Protein backbone atom coordinates (compact mmCIF):
# COMPACT_ATOMS: atom_id res chain seq x y z
CA MET A 1 60.56 78.11 -94.40
CA SER A 2 58.23 77.69 -91.45
CA LEU A 3 59.29 76.17 -88.16
CA ARG A 4 58.18 72.63 -87.39
CA ALA A 5 58.28 70.57 -84.19
CA TYR A 6 61.05 68.04 -83.54
CA LYS A 7 61.85 65.93 -80.49
CA VAL A 8 65.56 65.57 -79.73
CA GLN A 9 65.70 63.28 -76.71
CA GLU A 10 63.75 65.18 -74.03
CA PHE A 11 63.84 68.52 -75.86
CA LEU A 12 61.09 69.97 -78.03
CA VAL A 13 62.74 72.03 -80.76
CA PHE A 14 61.11 74.15 -83.42
CA ALA A 15 63.25 74.35 -86.53
CA SER A 16 62.97 74.27 -90.31
CA ARG A 17 64.98 71.02 -90.59
CA GLY A 18 65.85 68.08 -88.36
CA THR A 19 69.57 68.78 -88.69
CA GLU A 20 69.04 72.29 -87.37
CA ALA A 21 67.03 70.92 -84.43
CA LYS A 22 69.76 68.38 -83.62
CA MET A 23 72.50 71.01 -83.68
CA LEU A 24 70.50 73.32 -81.42
CA ALA A 25 69.73 70.65 -78.82
CA ALA A 26 73.09 68.83 -78.82
CA PRO A 27 74.94 71.31 -76.54
CA ARG A 28 72.21 70.88 -73.91
CA ILE A 29 72.61 67.11 -74.00
CA ARG A 30 76.43 66.91 -73.85
CA SER A 31 79.38 69.25 -74.03
CA GLU A 32 81.22 69.74 -77.31
CA ALA A 33 84.20 67.83 -75.91
CA GLU A 34 81.99 64.86 -75.04
CA TRP A 35 80.53 64.80 -78.55
CA ARG A 36 84.05 64.84 -80.02
CA GLU A 37 85.01 61.86 -77.86
CA ASP A 38 81.92 59.88 -78.83
CA VAL A 39 81.24 60.63 -82.48
CA SER A 40 79.04 57.55 -82.83
CA ALA A 41 76.64 59.05 -80.26
CA TRP A 42 76.51 62.25 -82.34
CA VAL A 43 75.67 60.24 -85.46
CA ALA A 44 73.00 58.30 -83.53
CA LEU A 45 71.37 61.47 -82.14
CA ARG A 46 68.06 61.92 -83.92
CA ALA A 47 65.63 64.76 -84.36
CA GLU A 48 62.27 63.05 -84.74
CA ARG A 49 59.44 64.97 -86.40
CA ALA A 50 56.51 65.61 -84.08
CA PRO A 51 53.80 67.02 -86.37
CA GLU A 52 51.21 66.71 -83.60
CA LEU A 53 53.15 69.44 -81.74
CA ASP A 54 53.46 71.87 -84.66
CA GLU A 55 50.56 73.88 -83.27
CA LEU A 56 52.71 74.86 -80.25
CA VAL A 57 55.12 76.93 -82.36
CA ASN A 58 55.48 80.58 -81.44
CA PRO A 59 53.94 82.33 -84.47
CA ASP A 60 56.29 85.30 -83.97
CA ALA A 61 59.45 83.16 -84.06
CA THR A 62 61.61 83.49 -87.14
CA GLU A 63 64.59 81.40 -86.00
CA ALA A 64 64.88 77.90 -84.56
CA TYR A 65 64.46 77.58 -80.80
CA ILE A 66 64.05 75.09 -77.98
CA GLN A 67 60.67 75.17 -76.24
CA GLU A 68 61.36 75.81 -72.58
CA ALA A 69 59.29 73.83 -70.09
CA SER A 70 56.56 75.87 -68.46
């Protein structure tokens, strides 16, 4: 499946699914211990589709990744 753009808070993530994008970005937002303490925040964390940014995907990428700021 091809990679698509998702926004997870301030992060732009390219992944095949929103769940994958969320799991990739979550450790950059909070530590694992903090997520365990605040499960409701984990549930509320959303990966929003950003189809207008799909064109920014690295065509050579085969696995999900976070777009680093340039």
